[in-house]
Amino acid sequence: MGRPKLLLDLRGKPVIRHTVERLVAAADMDEILVVVGPEHAALERALGGLGVRLVVNPAPEAGQGSSVSAGVQALSARATAALIALGDQPGIAVEVIRKLRAALETPGKSIAAPRYTDGLGNPVIFAAAVFPSWRRFPVIGERARWWKEIPPASPSSR
């Protein structure tokens, strides 16, 4: 490839821009944070004008969990939920994001993930009540165990 996957051209725009544009289109989010590594100038340019806030993960080599932690730590104290999406999902349907938000409003639900034909997938949405748990389980493997203990609400998607 020769370039980071998120910066590859897809129909005239970088992959990451397609993904973030879909998140913006889903609307009704107070703020969209994009977690990036220390070398993020090209991503910042690719996302110019979208009104997102970049959050730097100083140790992306520590894995996806470190990026999630960086994002959760940067959330506003007013945040009621966090939608965690992957930058390399340019085809994520806006309707999936809306269904996730609606599923989280189900009484007793604090996590929702879309169910695809091959199982649960991304993006995932967490209620603010879950945020403290991210501090209790600092290792992504431990978070995976914790995730299995709290079954998510799963809106169907196509």
C-alpha atoms as a PDB file:
ATOM      1  CA  MET A   1       0.000   0.000   0.000  1.00  0.00           C
ATOM      2  CA  GLY A   2       2.712   2.456   0.935  1.00  0.00           C
ATOM      3  CA  ARG A   3       0.311   4.690   2.879  1.00  0.00           C
ATOM      4  CA  PRO A   4      -1.706   4.309   6.054  1.00  0.00           C
ATOM      5  CA  LYS A   5      -4.998   2.534   5.314  1.00  0.00           C
ATOM      6  CA  LEU A   6      -7.082   5.418   6.700  1.00  0.00           C
ATOM      7  CA  LEU A   7      -5.561   7.791   4.161  1.00  0.00           C
ATOM      8  CA  LEU A   8      -6.152   5.632   1.099  1.00  0.00           C
ATOM      9  CA  ASP A   9      -8.350   7.221  -1.543  1.00  0.00           C
ATOM     10  CA  LEU A  10     -11.907   5.932  -1.793  1.00  0.00           C
ATOM     11  CA  ARG A  11     -14.123   7.645  -4.352  1.00  0.00           C
ATOM     12  CA  GLY A  12     -12.060  10.833  -4.179  1.00  0.00           C
ATOM     13  CA  LYS A  13     -11.682  11.109  -0.384  1.00  0.00           C
ATOM     14  CA  PRO A  14      -9.609   9.396   2.307  1.00  0.00           C
ATOM     15  CA  VAL A  15     -11.218   6.347   3.959  1.00  0.00           C
ATOM     16  CA  ILE A  16     -11.238   8.098   7.365  1.00  0.00           C
ATOM     17  CA  ARG A  17     -13.154  11.070   5.974  1.00  0.00           C
ATOM     18  CA  HIS A  18     -15.929   8.819   4.634  1.00  0.00           C
ATOM     19  CA  THR A  19     -16.242   7.160   8.049  1.00  0.00           C
ATOM     20  CA  VAL A  20     -16.310  10.401  10.037  1.00  0.00           C
ATOM     21  CA  GLU A  21     -18.749  12.020   7.604  1.00  0.00           C
ATOM     22  CA  ARG A  22     -21.156   9.172   8.366  1.00  0.00           C
ATOM     23  CA  LEU A  23     -20.780   9.761  12.087  1.00  0.00           C
ATOM     24  CA  VAL A  24     -21.451  13.475  11.586  1.00  0.00           C
ATOM     25  CA  ALA A  25     -24.495  12.642   9.417  1.00  0.00           C
ATOM     26  CA  ALA A  26     -25.941  10.504  12.215  1.00  0.00           C
ATOM     27  CA  ALA A  27     -26.239  13.841  14.067  1.00  0.00           C
ATOM     28  CA  ASP A  28     -27.318  14.525  17.616  1.00  0.00           C
ATOM     29  CA  MET A  29     -23.818  14.041  19.006  1.00  0.00           C
ATOM     30  CA  ASP A  30     -22.434  16.848  21.100  1.00  0.00           C
ATOM     31  CA  GLU A  31     -18.881  16.143  20.046  1.00  0.00           C
ATOM     32  CA  ILE A  32     -16.968  13.708  17.878  1.00  0.00           C
ATOM     33  CA  LEU A  33     -13.501  12.769  19.067  1.00  0.00           C
ATOM     34  CA  VAL A  34     -11.038  11.102  16.725  1.00  0.00           C
ATOM     35  CA  VAL A  35      -8.207   9.306  18.482  1.00  0.00           C
ATOM     36  CA  VAL A  36      -4.939   9.535  16.553  1.00  0.00           C
ATOM     37  CA  GLY A  37      -1.306   8.655  17.107  1.00  0.00           C
ATOM     38  CA  PRO A  38       1.464  11.192  17.697  1.00  0.00           C
ATOM     39  CA  GLU A  39       2.147  11.460  13.933  1.00  0.00           C
ATOM     40  CA  HIS A  40      -1.284  12.715  12.907  1.00  0.00           C
ATOM     41  CA  ALA A  41      -0.826  15.721  10.616  1.00  0.00           C
ATOM     42  CA  ALA A  42      -2.109  13.882   7.526  1.00  0.00           C
ATOM     43  CA  LEU A  43      -5.205  12.648   9.378  1.00  0.00           C
ATOM     44  CA  GLU A  44      -5.855  16.157  10.647  1.00  0.00           C
ATOM     45  CA  ARG A  45      -5.742  17.449   7.057  1.00  0.00           C
ATOM     46  CA  ALA A  46      -8.015  14.612   5.866  1.00  0.00           C
ATOM     47  CA  LEU A  47     -10.619  15.569   8.479  1.00  0.00           C
ATOM     48  CA  GLY A  48     -10.396  19.335   7.963  1.00  0.00           C
ATOM     49  CA  GLY A  49     -13.687  21.187   8.199  1.00  0.00           C
ATOM     50  CA  LEU A  50     -15.646  18.365   9.865  1.00  0.00           C
ATOM     51  CA  GLY A  51     -15.639  19.969  13.311  1.00  0.00           C
ATOM     52  CA  VAL A  52     -14.139  16.984  15.116  1.00  0.00           C
ATOM     53  CA  ARG A  53     -11.659  17.112  17.984  1.00  0.00           C
ATOM     54  CA  LEU A  54      -8.461  15.105  17.692  1.00  0.00           C
ATOM     55  CA  VAL A  55      -7.258  13.282  20.801  1.00  0.00           C
ATOM     56  CA  VAL A  56      -3.679  12.031  20.730  1.00  0.00           C
ATOM     57  CA  ASN A  57      -2.979   8.516  21.976  1.00  0.00           C
ATOM     58  CA  PRO A  58       0.702   8.765  22.963  1.00  0.00           C
ATOM     59  CA  ALA A  59       1.162   4.968  22.755  1.00  0.00           C
ATOM     60  CA  PRO A  60      -0.871   3.534  19.862  1.00  0.00           C
ATOM     61  CA  GLU A  61       1.511   0.575  19.712  1.00  0.00           C
ATOM     62  CA  ALA A  62      -0.141  -0.585  22.966  1.00  0.00           C
ATOM     63  CA  GLY A  63      -3.177  -1.566  20.916  1.00  0.00           C
ATOM     64  CA  GLN A  64      -6.756  -0.566  20.324  1.00  0.00           C
ATOM     65  CA  GLY A  65      -7.505  -0.527  24.046  1.00  0.00           C
ATOM     66  CA  SER A  66      -5.088   2.351  24.549  1.00  0.00           C
ATOM     67  CA  SER A  67      -6.953   4.355  21.918  1.00  0.00           C
ATOM     68  CA  VAL A  68     -10.301   3.634  23.578  1.00  0.00           C
ATOM     69  CA  SER A  69      -8.833   4.709  26.929  1.00  0.00           C
ATOM     70  CA  ALA A  70      -7.471   7.931  25.444  1.00  0.00           C
ATOM     71  CA  GLY A  71     -10.854   8.729  23.938  1.00  0.00           C
ATOM     72  CA  VAL A  72     -12.828   7.958  27.102  1.00  0.00           C
ATOM     73  CA  GLN A  73     -10.410  10.032  29.201  1.00  0.00           C
ATOM     74  CA  ALA A  74     -10.944  12.994  26.846  1.00  0.00           C
ATOM     75  CA  LEU A  75     -14.748  12.902  27.021  1.00  0.00           C
ATOM     76  CA  SER A  76     -16.559  15.865  28.480  1.00  0.00           C
ATOM     77  CA  ALA A  77     -17.906  15.413  31.991  1.00  0.00           C
ATOM     78  CA  ARG A  78     -21.337  16.039  30.430  1.00  0.00           C
ATOM     79  CA  ALA A  79     -21.042  13.018  28.115  1.00  0.00           C
ATOM     80  CA  THR A  80     -23.928  10.597  28.533  1.00  0.00           C
ATOM     81  CA  ALA A  81     -22.572   7.998  26.117  1.00  0.00           C
ATOM     82  CA  ALA A  82     -19.633   7.188  23.877  1.00  0.00           C
ATOM     83  CA  LEU A  83     -19.877   5.650  20.437  1.00  0.00           C
ATOM     84  CA  ILE A  84     -16.661   3.860  19.568  1.00  0.00           C
ATOM     85  CA  ALA A  85     -16.224   3.456  15.829  1.00  0.00           C
ATOM     86  CA  LEU A  86     -13.328   2.283  13.709  1.00  0.00           C
ATOM     87  CA  GLY A  87     -11.830   4.689  11.202  1.00  0.00           C
ATOM     88  CA  ASP A  88     -11.688   2.034   8.516  1.00  0.00           C
ATOM     89  CA  GLN A  89     -15.457   1.518   8.226  1.00  0.00           C
ATOM     90  CA  PRO A  90     -16.364   3.973   5.464  1.00  0.00           C
ATOM     91  CA  GLY A  91     -19.532   2.047   4.617  1.00  0.00           C
ATOM     92  CA  ILE A  92     -21.085   2.079   8.084  1.00  0.00           C
ATOM     93  CA  ALA A  93     -24.739   2.898   7.674  1.00  0.00           C
ATOM     94  CA  VAL A  94     -26.033   6.017   9.397  1.00  0.00           C
ATOM     95  CA  GLU A  95     -29.097   3.952  10.314  1.00  0.00           C
ATOM     96  CA  VAL A  96     -26.899   1.516  12.302  1.00  0.00           C
ATOM     97  CA  ILE A  97     -25.598   4.418  14.386  1.00  0.00           C
ATOM     98  CA  ARG A  98     -29.135   5.683  14.989  1.00  0.00           C
ATOM     99  CA  LYS A  99     -30.307   2.190  16.009  1.00  0.00           C
ATOM    100  CA  LEU A 100     -27.418   1.896  18.446  1.00  0.00           C
ATOM    101  CA  ARG A 101     -28.382   5.157  20.106  1.00  0.00           C
ATOM    102  CA  ALA A 102     -32.007   3.998  20.337  1.00  0.00           C
ATOM    103  CA  ALA A 103     -30.987   0.604  21.765  1.00  0.00           C
ATOM    104  CA  LEU A 104     -29.040   2.328  24.527  1.00  0.00           C
ATOM    105  CA  GLU A 105     -32.263   3.990  25.649  1.00  0.00           C
ATOM    106  CA  THR A 106     -33.723   0.573  26.528  1.00  0.00           C
ATOM    107  CA  PRO A 107     -34.074   0.423  30.332  1.00  0.00           C
ATOM    108  CA  GLY A 108     -31.219  -1.517  31.894  1.00  0.00           C
ATOM    109  CA  LYS A 109     -28.981  -1.396  28.815  1.00  0.00           C
ATOM    110  CA  SER A 110     -25.581   0.240  29.046  1.00  0.00           C
ATOM    111  CA  ILE A 111     -23.911  -1.219  25.946  1.00  0.00           C
ATOM    112  CA  ALA A 112     -25.163  -1.794  22.414  1.00  0.00           C
ATOM    113  CA  ALA A 113     -23.463  -3.271  19.365  1.00  0.00           C
ATOM    114  CA  PRO A 114     -24.811  -4.120  15.929  1.00  0.00           C
ATOM    115  CA  ARG A 115     -25.490  -7.758  15.133  1.00  0.00           C
ATOM    116  CA  TYR A 116     -24.374  -8.721  11.657  1.00  0.00           C
ATOM    117  CA  THR A 117     -24.784 -12.130  10.028  1.00  0.00           C
ATOM    118  CA  ASP A 118     -21.397 -13.229  11.399  1.00  0.00           C
ATOM    119  CA  GLY A 119     -21.944 -11.882  14.944  1.00  0.00           C
ATOM    120  CA  LEU A 120     -21.540  -8.666  16.903  1.00  0.00           C
ATOM    121  CA  GLY A 121     -19.483  -5.901  15.342  1.00  0.00           C
ATOM    122  CA  ASN A 122     -18.593  -2.237  15.380  1.00  0.00           C
ATOM    123  CA  PRO A 123     -19.337   0.493  16.181  1.00  0.00           C
ATOM    124  CA  VAL A 124     -20.228  -0.014  19.846  1.00  0.00           C
ATOM    125  CA  ILE A 125     -21.972   2.456  22.124  1.00  0.00           C
ATOM    126  CA  PHE A 126     -21.482   2.693  25.889  1.00  0.00           C
ATOM    127  CA  ALA A 127     -23.539   4.624  28.440  1.00  0.00           C
ATOM    128  CA  ALA A 128     -21.614   6.904  30.788  1.00  0.00           C
ATOM    129  CA  ALA A 129     -22.296   4.461  33.644  1.00  0.00           C
ATOM    130  CA  VAL A 130     -19.779   2.118  31.983  1.00  0.00           C
ATOM    131  CA  PHE A 131     -16.895   4.620  31.824  1.00  0.00           C
ATOM    132  CA  PRO A 132     -15.546   3.912  35.335  1.00  0.00           C
ATOM    133  CA  SER A 133     -15.191   0.239  34.368  1.00  0.00           C
ATOM    134  CA  TRP A 134     -12.657   1.188  31.729  1.00  0.00           C
ATOM    135  CA  ARG A 135     -10.403   2.324  34.544  1.00  0.00           C
ATOM    136  CA  ARG A 136     -10.867  -0.949  36.463  1.00  0.00           C
ATOM    137  CA  PHE A 137      -9.904  -3.062  33.433  1.00  0.00           C
ATOM    138  CA  PRO A 138      -6.841  -1.361  31.946  1.00  0.00           C
ATOM    139  CA  VAL A 139      -5.826  -4.290  29.722  1.00  0.00           C
ATOM    140  CA  ILE A 140      -7.856  -4.946  26.582  1.00  0.00           C
ATOM    141  CA  GLY A 141      -7.987  -8.696  27.330  1.00  0.00           C
ATOM    142  CA  GLU A 142      -9.562  -7.913  30.680  1.00  0.00           C
ATOM    143  CA  ARG A 143     -12.020  -5.586  28.967  1.00  0.00           C
ATOM    144  CA  ALA A 144     -12.958  -8.379  26.589  1.00  0.00           C
ATOM    145  CA  ARG A 145     -13.734 -10.593  29.604  1.00  0.00           C
ATOM    146  CA  TRP A 146     -15.780  -7.794  31.172  1.00  0.00           C
ATOM    147  CA  TRP A 147     -17.652  -7.282  27.880  1.00  0.00           C
ATOM    148  CA  LYS A 148     -18.769 -10.929  27.932  1.00  0.00           C
ATOM    149  CA  GLU A 149     -20.111 -10.475  31.459  1.00  0.00           C
ATOM    150  CA  ILE A 150     -22.443  -7.645  30.385  1.00  0.00           C
ATOM    151  CA  PRO A 151     -24.432  -8.739  27.308  1.00  0.00           C
ATOM    152  CA  PRO A 152     -25.015  -5.843  24.903  1.00  0.00           C
ATOM    153  CA  ALA A 153     -28.292  -4.823  23.367  1.00  0.00           C
ATOM    154  CA  SER A 154     -27.989  -5.658  19.678  1.00  0.00           C
ATOM    155  CA  PRO A 155     -30.064  -3.785  17.136  1.00  0.00           C
ATOM    156  CA  SER A 156     -30.321  -5.695  13.917  1.00  0.00           C
ATOM    157  CA  SER A 157     -28.689  -4.179  10.881  1.00  0.00           C
ATOM    158  CA  ARG A 158     -28.282  -5.023   7.239  1.00  0.00           C
END
